[in-house]
Amino acid sequence: AAIRSYHGLKKHVKGLKTLGASREEVESAM
């Protein structure tokens, strides 16, 4: 996010969801 790599950001967020990350955890990181 900091380097504005939005394509990678979308891909890794989706991967995080499959790893069991909650929406709140993703939101906190952002």
PDB file of all heavy atoms in Angstrom:
ATOM      1  N   ALA A   1       0.830  -1.204   0.000  1.00  0.00           N
ATOM      2  CA  ALA A   1       0.000   0.000   0.000  1.00  0.00           C
ATOM      3  C   ALA A   1       0.864   1.252   0.000  1.00  0.00           C
ATOM      4  O   ALA A   1       0.586   2.209  -0.734  1.00  0.00           O
ATOM      5  CB  ALA A   1      -0.933  -0.015   1.210  1.00  0.00           C
ATOM      6  N   ALA A   2       1.920   1.246   0.808  1.00  0.00           N
ATOM      7  CA  ALA A   2       2.785   2.422   0.917  1.00  0.00           C
ATOM      8  C   ALA A   2       3.458   2.765  -0.414  1.00  0.00           C
ATOM      9  O   ALA A   2       3.648   3.942  -0.724  1.00  0.00           O
ATOM     10  CB  ALA A   2       3.843   2.199   1.995  1.00  0.00           C
ATOM     11  N   ILE A   3       3.799   1.743  -1.193  1.00  0.00           N
ATOM     12  CA  ILE A   3       4.454   2.011  -2.481  1.00  0.00           C
ATOM     13  C   ILE A   3       3.453   2.057  -3.634  1.00  0.00           C
ATOM     14  O   ILE A   3       3.829   2.144  -4.790  1.00  0.00           O
ATOM     15  CB  ILE A   3       5.581   1.005  -2.773  1.00  0.00           C
ATOM     16  CG1 ILE A   3       5.043  -0.411  -2.947  1.00  0.00           C
ATOM     17  CG2 ILE A   3       6.672   1.077  -1.710  1.00  0.00           C
ATOM     18  CD1 ILE A   3       6.059  -1.395  -3.519  1.00  0.00           C
ATOM     19  N   ARG A   4       2.180   1.978  -3.284  1.00  0.00           N
ATOM     20  CA  ARG A   4       1.081   2.066  -4.254  1.00  0.00           C
ATOM     21  C   ARG A   4       1.124   0.961  -5.301  1.00  0.00           C
ATOM     22  O   ARG A   4       0.832   1.170  -6.473  1.00  0.00           O
ATOM     23  CB  ARG A   4       1.037   3.443  -4.903  1.00  0.00           C
ATOM     24  CG  ARG A   4       0.796   4.541  -3.903  1.00  0.00           C
ATOM     25  CD  ARG A   4       0.735   5.882  -4.524  1.00  0.00           C
ATOM     26  NE  ARG A   4       0.506   6.877  -3.469  1.00  0.00           N
ATOM     27  CZ  ARG A   4       0.491   8.158  -3.672  1.00  0.00           C
ATOM     28  NH1 ARG A   4       0.655   8.637  -4.881  1.00  0.00           N
ATOM     29  NH2 ARG A   4       0.280   8.974  -2.675  1.00  0.00           N
ATOM     30  N   SER A   5       1.466  -0.225  -4.856  1.00  0.00           N
ATOM     31  CA  SER A   5       1.453  -1.411  -5.729  1.00  0.00           C
ATOM     32  C   SER A   5       0.083  -2.064  -5.595  1.00  0.00           C
ATOM     33  O   SER A   5      -0.103  -3.064  -4.909  1.00  0.00           O
ATOM     34  CB  SER A   5       2.562  -2.383  -5.318  1.00  0.00           C
ATOM     35  OG  SER A   5       2.512  -3.540  -6.132  1.00  0.00           O
ATOM     36  N   TYR A   6      -0.902  -1.471  -6.248  1.00  0.00           N
ATOM     37  CA  TYR A   6      -2.284  -1.865  -6.038  1.00  0.00           C
ATOM     38  C   TYR A   6      -2.621  -3.238  -6.606  1.00  0.00           C
ATOM     39  O   TYR A   6      -3.441  -3.956  -6.045  1.00  0.00           O
ATOM     40  CB  TYR A   6      -3.232  -0.794  -6.580  1.00  0.00           C
ATOM     41  CG  TYR A   6      -3.045   0.546  -5.896  1.00  0.00           C
ATOM     42  CD1 TYR A   6      -3.088   1.723  -6.619  1.00  0.00           C
ATOM     43  CD2 TYR A   6      -2.816   0.631  -4.523  1.00  0.00           C
ATOM     44  CE1 TYR A   6      -2.922   2.953  -5.987  1.00  0.00           C
ATOM     45  CE2 TYR A   6      -2.639   1.849  -3.892  1.00  0.00           C
ATOM     46  CZ  TYR A   6      -2.694   3.006  -4.633  1.00  0.00           C
ATOM     47  OH  TYR A   6      -2.526   4.211  -4.006  1.00  0.00           O
ATOM     48  N   HIS A   7      -1.983  -3.623  -7.703  1.00  0.00           N
ATOM     49  CA  HIS A   7      -2.228  -4.966  -8.248  1.00  0.00           C
ATOM     50  C   HIS A   7      -1.785  -6.019  -7.227  1.00  0.00           C
ATOM     51  O   HIS A   7      -2.519  -6.954  -6.918  1.00  0.00           O
ATOM     52  CB  HIS A   7      -1.491  -5.153  -9.575  1.00  0.00           C
ATOM     53  CG  HIS A   7      -1.727  -6.484 -10.192  1.00  0.00           C
ATOM     54  ND1 HIS A   7      -2.856  -6.761 -10.939  1.00  0.00           N
ATOM     55  CD2 HIS A   7      -1.014  -7.629 -10.156  1.00  0.00           C
ATOM     56  CE1 HIS A   7      -2.814  -8.016 -11.328  1.00  0.00           C
ATOM     57  NE2 HIS A   7      -1.705  -8.562 -10.872  1.00  0.00           N
ATOM     58  N   GLY A   8      -0.585  -5.847  -6.690  1.00  0.00           N
ATOM     59  CA  GLY A   8      -0.078  -6.770  -5.676  1.00  0.00           C
ATOM     60  C   GLY A   8      -0.899  -6.712  -4.402  1.00  0.00           C
ATOM     61  O   GLY A   8      -1.129  -7.726  -3.744  1.00  0.00           O
ATOM     62  N   LEU A   9      -1.354  -5.519  -4.040  1.00  0.00           N
ATOM     63  CA  LEU A   9      -2.162  -5.353  -2.840  1.00  0.00           C
ATOM     64  C   LEU A   9      -3.438  -6.193  -2.927  1.00  0.00           C
ATOM     65  O   LEU A   9      -3.758  -6.947  -2.004  1.00  0.00           O
ATOM     66  CB  LEU A   9      -2.503  -3.870  -2.649  1.00  0.00           C
ATOM     67  CG  LEU A   9      -3.387  -3.516  -1.457  1.00  0.00           C
ATOM     68  CD1 LEU A   9      -2.724  -3.921  -0.141  1.00  0.00           C
ATOM     69  CD2 LEU A   9      -3.691  -2.021  -1.470  1.00  0.00           C
ATOM     70  N   LYS A  10      -4.137  -6.095  -4.044  1.00  0.00           N
ATOM     71  CA  LYS A  10      -5.375  -6.875  -4.208  1.00  0.00           C
ATOM     72  C   LYS A  10      -5.094  -8.370  -4.102  1.00  0.00           C
ATOM     73  O   LYS A  10      -5.794  -9.105  -3.407  1.00  0.00           O
ATOM     74  CB  LYS A  10      -6.002  -6.576  -5.576  1.00  0.00           C
ATOM     75  CG  LYS A  10      -6.652  -5.243  -5.677  1.00  0.00           C
ATOM     76  CD  LYS A  10      -7.009  -4.951  -7.116  1.00  0.00           C
ATOM     77  CE  LYS A  10      -8.483  -4.879  -7.292  1.00  0.00           C
ATOM     78  NZ  LYS A  10      -8.857  -4.487  -8.657  1.00  0.00           N
ATOM     79  N   LYS A  11      -4.052  -8.813  -4.775  1.00  0.00           N
ATOM     80  CA  LYS A  11      -3.705 -10.232  -4.791  1.00  0.00           C
ATOM     81  C   LYS A  11      -3.360 -10.734  -3.383  1.00  0.00           C
ATOM     82  O   LYS A  11      -3.830 -11.783  -2.958  1.00  0.00           O
ATOM     83  CB  LYS A  11      -2.541 -10.453  -5.758  1.00  0.00           C
ATOM     84  CG  LYS A  11      -2.172 -11.883  -5.980  1.00  0.00           C
ATOM     85  CD  LYS A  11      -1.108 -11.959  -7.074  1.00  0.00           C
ATOM     86  CE  LYS A  11      -0.688 -13.340  -7.395  1.00  0.00           C
ATOM     87  NZ  LYS A  11      -1.722 -14.219  -7.868  1.00  0.00           N
ATOM     88  N   HIS A  12      -2.572  -9.970  -2.652  1.00  0.00           N
ATOM     89  CA  HIS A  12      -2.143 -10.413  -1.326  1.00  0.00           C
ATOM     90  C   HIS A  12      -3.263 -10.311  -0.290  1.00  0.00           C
ATOM     91  O   HIS A  12      -3.315 -11.126   0.629  1.00  0.00           O
ATOM     92  CB  HIS A  12      -0.884  -9.665  -0.895  1.00  0.00           C
ATOM     93  CG  HIS A  12       0.350 -10.192  -1.552  1.00  0.00           C
ATOM     94  ND1 HIS A  12       1.112 -11.204  -1.017  1.00  0.00           N
ATOM     95  CD2 HIS A  12       0.923  -9.884  -2.738  1.00  0.00           C
ATOM     96  CE1 HIS A  12       2.111 -11.481  -1.829  1.00  0.00           C
ATOM     97  NE2 HIS A  12       2.013 -10.686  -2.882  1.00  0.00           N
ATOM     98  N   VAL A  13      -4.151  -9.347  -0.444  1.00  0.00           N
ATOM     99  CA  VAL A  13      -5.300  -9.275   0.467  1.00  0.00           C
ATOM    100  C   VAL A  13      -6.180 -10.506   0.279  1.00  0.00           C
ATOM    101  O   VAL A  13      -6.622 -11.121   1.252  1.00  0.00           O
ATOM    102  CB  VAL A  13      -6.108  -7.971   0.262  1.00  0.00           C
ATOM    103  CG1 VAL A  13      -7.466  -8.054   0.940  1.00  0.00           C
ATOM    104  CG2 VAL A  13      -5.326  -6.777   0.804  1.00  0.00           C
ATOM    105  N   LYS A  14      -6.408 -10.887  -0.967  1.00  0.00           N
ATOM    106  CA  LYS A  14      -7.208 -12.087  -1.219  1.00  0.00           C
ATOM    107  C   LYS A  14      -6.522 -13.320  -0.642  1.00  0.00           C
ATOM    108  O   LYS A  14      -7.166 -14.204  -0.077  1.00  0.00           O
ATOM    109  CB  LYS A  14      -7.464 -12.236  -2.719  1.00  0.00           C
ATOM    110  CG  LYS A  14      -8.427 -11.190  -3.229  1.00  0.00           C
ATOM    111  CD  LYS A  14      -8.629 -11.287  -4.728  1.00  0.00           C
ATOM    112  CE  LYS A  14      -9.570 -10.195  -5.201  1.00  0.00           C
ATOM    113  NZ  LYS A  14      -9.817 -10.271  -6.642  1.00  0.00           N
ATOM    114  N   GLY A  15      -5.191 -13.380  -0.750  1.00  0.00           N
ATOM    115  CA  GLY A  15      -4.439 -14.476  -0.151  1.00  0.00           C
ATOM    116  C   GLY A  15      -4.546 -14.483   1.368  1.00  0.00           C
ATOM    117  O   GLY A  15      -4.628 -15.539   1.993  1.00  0.00           O
ATOM    118  N   LEU A  16      -4.552 -13.304   1.954  1.00  0.00           N
ATOM    119  CA  LEU A  16      -4.705 -13.202   3.407  1.00  0.00           C
ATOM    120  C   LEU A  16      -6.035 -13.762   3.867  1.00  0.00           C
ATOM    121  O   LEU A  16      -6.119 -14.411   4.904  1.00  0.00           O
ATOM    122  CB  LEU A  16      -4.599 -11.740   3.842  1.00  0.00           C
ATOM    123  CG  LEU A  16      -3.235 -11.300   4.315  1.00  0.00           C
ATOM    124  CD1 LEU A  16      -3.130  -9.792   4.372  1.00  0.00           C
ATOM    125  CD2 LEU A  16      -2.907 -11.911   5.657  1.00  0.00           C
ATOM    126  N   LYS A  17      -7.058 -13.515   3.093  1.00  0.00           N
ATOM    127  CA  LYS A  17      -8.373 -14.033   3.468  1.00  0.00           C
ATOM    128  C   LYS A  17      -8.341 -15.563   3.491  1.00  0.00           C
ATOM    129  O   LYS A  17      -8.898 -16.179   4.392  1.00  0.00           O
ATOM    130  CB  LYS A  17      -9.440 -13.518   2.503  1.00  0.00           C
ATOM    131  CG  LYS A  17     -10.846 -13.758   3.001  1.00  0.00           C
ATOM    132  CD  LYS A  17     -11.862 -12.981   2.183  1.00  0.00           C
ATOM    133  CE  LYS A  17     -13.248 -13.167   2.744  1.00  0.00           C
ATOM    134  NZ  LYS A  17     -14.245 -12.392   2.006  1.00  0.00           N
ATOM    135  N   THR A  18      -7.656 -16.173   2.535  1.00  0.00           N
ATOM    136  CA  THR A  18      -7.565 -17.641   2.525  1.00  0.00           C
ATOM    137  C   THR A  18      -6.695 -18.152   3.669  1.00  0.00           C
ATOM    138  O   THR A  18      -6.832 -19.304   4.072  1.00  0.00           O
ATOM    139  CB  THR A  18      -7.039 -18.184   1.171  1.00  0.00           C
ATOM    140  OG1 THR A  18      -5.692 -17.754   0.984  1.00  0.00           O
ATOM    141  CG2 THR A  18      -7.898 -17.728   0.016  1.00  0.00           C
ATOM    142  N   LEU A  19      -5.809 -17.297   4.184  1.00  0.00           N
ATOM    143  CA  LEU A  19      -4.992 -17.677   5.347  1.00  0.00           C
ATOM    144  C   LEU A  19      -5.759 -17.507   6.658  1.00  0.00           C
ATOM    145  O   LEU A  19      -5.230 -17.787   7.726  1.00  0.00           O
ATOM    146  CB  LEU A  19      -3.710 -16.833   5.407  1.00  0.00           C
ATOM    147  CG  LEU A  19      -2.634 -17.128   4.379  1.00  0.00           C
ATOM    148  CD1 LEU A  19      -1.508 -16.104   4.477  1.00  0.00           C
ATOM    149  CD2 LEU A  19      -2.082 -18.538   4.568  1.00  0.00           C
ATOM    150  N   GLY A  20      -6.982 -16.995   6.566  1.00  0.00           N
ATOM    151  CA  GLY A  20      -7.802 -16.843   7.764  1.00  0.00           C
ATOM    152  C   GLY A  20      -7.778 -15.466   8.386  1.00  0.00           C
ATOM    153  O   GLY A  20      -8.292 -15.279   9.496  1.00  0.00           O
ATOM    154  N   ALA A  21      -7.195 -14.492   7.704  1.00  0.00           N
ATOM    155  CA  ALA A  21      -7.184 -13.137   8.249  1.00  0.00           C
ATOM    156  C   ALA A  21      -8.603 -12.577   8.242  1.00  0.00           C
ATOM    157  O   ALA A  21      -9.340 -12.739   7.270  1.00  0.00           O
ATOM    158  CB  ALA A  21      -6.264 -12.233   7.432  1.00  0.00           C
ATOM    159  N   SER A  22      -8.954 -11.928   9.318  1.00  0.00           N
ATOM    160  CA  SER A  22     -10.278 -11.306   9.394  1.00  0.00           C
ATOM    161  C   SER A  22     -10.252  -9.969   8.661  1.00  0.00           C
ATOM    162  O   SER A  22      -9.187  -9.384   8.412  1.00  0.00           O
ATOM    163  CB  SER A  22     -10.671 -11.075  10.857  1.00  0.00           C
ATOM    164  OG  SER A  22      -9.856 -10.061  11.429  1.00  0.00           O
ATOM    165  N   ARG A  23     -11.421  -9.477   8.350  1.00  0.00           N
ATOM    166  CA  ARG A  23     -11.540  -8.170   7.723  1.00  0.00           C
ATOM    167  C   ARG A  23     -10.929  -7.108   8.640  1.00  0.00           C
ATOM    168  O   ARG A  23     -10.259  -6.174   8.185  1.00  0.00           O
ATOM    169  CB  ARG A  23     -13.007  -7.860   7.435  1.00  0.00           C
ATOM    170  CG  ARG A  23     -13.221  -6.627   6.580  1.00  0.00           C
ATOM    171  CD  ARG A  23     -14.707  -6.410   6.282  1.00  0.00           C
ATOM    172  NE  ARG A  23     -14.899  -5.465   5.202  1.00  0.00           N
ATOM    173  CZ  ARG A  23     -14.800  -4.150   5.328  1.00  0.00           C
ATOM    174  NH1 ARG A  23     -14.489  -3.621   6.492  1.00  0.00           N
ATOM    175  NH2 ARG A  23     -15.012  -3.361   4.275  1.00  0.00           N
ATOM    176  N   GLU A  24     -11.140  -7.257   9.931  1.00  0.00           N
ATOM    177  CA  GLU A  24     -10.621  -6.301  10.908  1.00  0.00           C
ATOM    178  C   GLU A  24      -9.089  -6.293  10.927  1.00  0.00           C
ATOM    179  O   GLU A  24      -8.473  -5.237  11.096  1.00  0.00           O
ATOM    180  CB  GLU A  24     -11.176  -6.598  12.307  1.00  0.00           C
ATOM    181  CG  GLU A  24     -12.663  -6.333  12.443  1.00  0.00           C
ATOM    182  CD  GLU A  24     -13.566  -7.418  11.830  1.00  0.00           C
ATOM    183  OE1 GLU A  24     -13.088  -8.546  11.556  1.00  0.00           O
ATOM    184  OE2 GLU A  24     -14.750  -7.119  11.604  1.00  0.00           O
ATOM    185  N   GLU A  25      -8.468  -7.464  10.771  1.00  0.00           N
ATOM    186  CA  GLU A  25      -7.002  -7.524  10.730  1.00  0.00           C
ATOM    187  C   GLU A  25      -6.471  -6.823   9.487  1.00  0.00           C
ATOM    188  O   GLU A  25      -5.487  -6.072   9.564  1.00  0.00           O
ATOM    189  CB  GLU A  25      -6.525  -8.976  10.766  1.00  0.00           C
ATOM    190  CG  GLU A  25      -6.714  -9.641  12.105  1.00  0.00           C
ATOM    191  CD  GLU A  25      -6.403 -11.128  12.077  1.00  0.00           C
ATOM    192  OE1 GLU A  25      -6.850 -11.836  11.134  1.00  0.00           O
ATOM    193  OE2 GLU A  25      -5.717 -11.583  13.015  1.00  0.00           O
ATOM    194  N   VAL A  26      -7.096  -7.069   8.348  1.00  0.00           N
ATOM    195  CA  VAL A  26      -6.679  -6.403   7.107  1.00  0.00           C
ATOM    196  C   VAL A  26      -6.879  -4.897   7.241  1.00  0.00           C
ATOM    197  O   VAL A  26      -5.993  -4.101   6.909  1.00  0.00           O
ATOM    198  CB  VAL A  26      -7.440  -6.967   5.887  1.00  0.00           C
ATOM    199  CG1 VAL A  26      -7.189  -6.132   4.636  1.00  0.00           C
ATOM    200  CG2 VAL A  26      -7.051  -8.424   5.646  1.00  0.00           C
ATOM    201  N   GLU A  27      -8.029  -4.507   7.776  1.00  0.00           N
ATOM    202  CA  GLU A  27      -8.315  -3.091   7.949  1.00  0.00           C
ATOM    203  C   GLU A  27      -7.299  -2.437   8.882  1.00  0.00           C
ATOM    204  O   GLU A  27      -6.811  -1.333   8.618  1.00  0.00           O
ATOM    205  CB  GLU A  27      -9.725  -2.900   8.477  1.00  0.00           C
ATOM    206  CG  GLU A  27     -10.128  -1.446   8.577  1.00  0.00           C
ATOM    207  CD  GLU A  27     -11.591  -1.274   8.936  1.00  0.00           C
ATOM    208  OE1 GLU A  27     -12.130  -2.080   9.730  1.00  0.00           O
ATOM    209  OE2 GLU A  27     -12.181  -0.325   8.419  1.00  0.00           O
ATOM    210  N   SER A  28      -6.933  -3.113   9.957  1.00  0.00           N
ATOM    211  CA  SER A  28      -5.952  -2.560  10.897  1.00  0.00           C
ATOM    212  C   SER A  28      -4.592  -2.373  10.231  1.00  0.00           C
ATOM    213  O   SER A  28      -3.921  -1.358  10.455  1.00  0.00           O
ATOM    214  CB  SER A  28      -5.814  -3.463  12.124  1.00  0.00           C
ATOM    215  OG  SER A  28      -6.987  -3.406  12.897  1.00  0.00           O
ATOM    216  N   ALA A  29      -4.181  -3.343   9.427  1.00  0.00           N
ATOM    217  CA  ALA A  29      -2.908  -3.226   8.714  1.00  0.00           C
ATOM    218  C   ALA A  29      -2.934  -2.032   7.760  1.00  0.00           C
ATOM    219  O   ALA A  29      -1.943  -1.308   7.630  1.00  0.00           O
ATOM    220  CB  ALA A  29      -2.596  -4.512   7.948  1.00  0.00           C
ATOM    221  N   MET A  30      -4.071  -1.822   7.116  1.00  0.00           N
ATOM    222  CA  MET A  30      -4.190  -0.713   6.177  1.00  0.00           C
ATOM    223  C   MET A  30      -4.244   0.631   6.905  1.00  0.00           C
ATOM    224  O   MET A  30      -3.595   1.586   6.498  1.00  0.00           O
ATOM    225  CB  MET A  30      -5.423  -0.889   5.296  1.00  0.00           C
ATOM    226  CG  MET A  30      -5.365  -2.103   4.391  1.00  0.00           C
ATOM    227  SD  MET A  30      -3.866  -2.196   3.391  1.00  0.00           S
ATOM    228  CE  MET A  30      -3.986  -0.675   2.485  1.00  0.00           C
TER     229      MET A  30
END
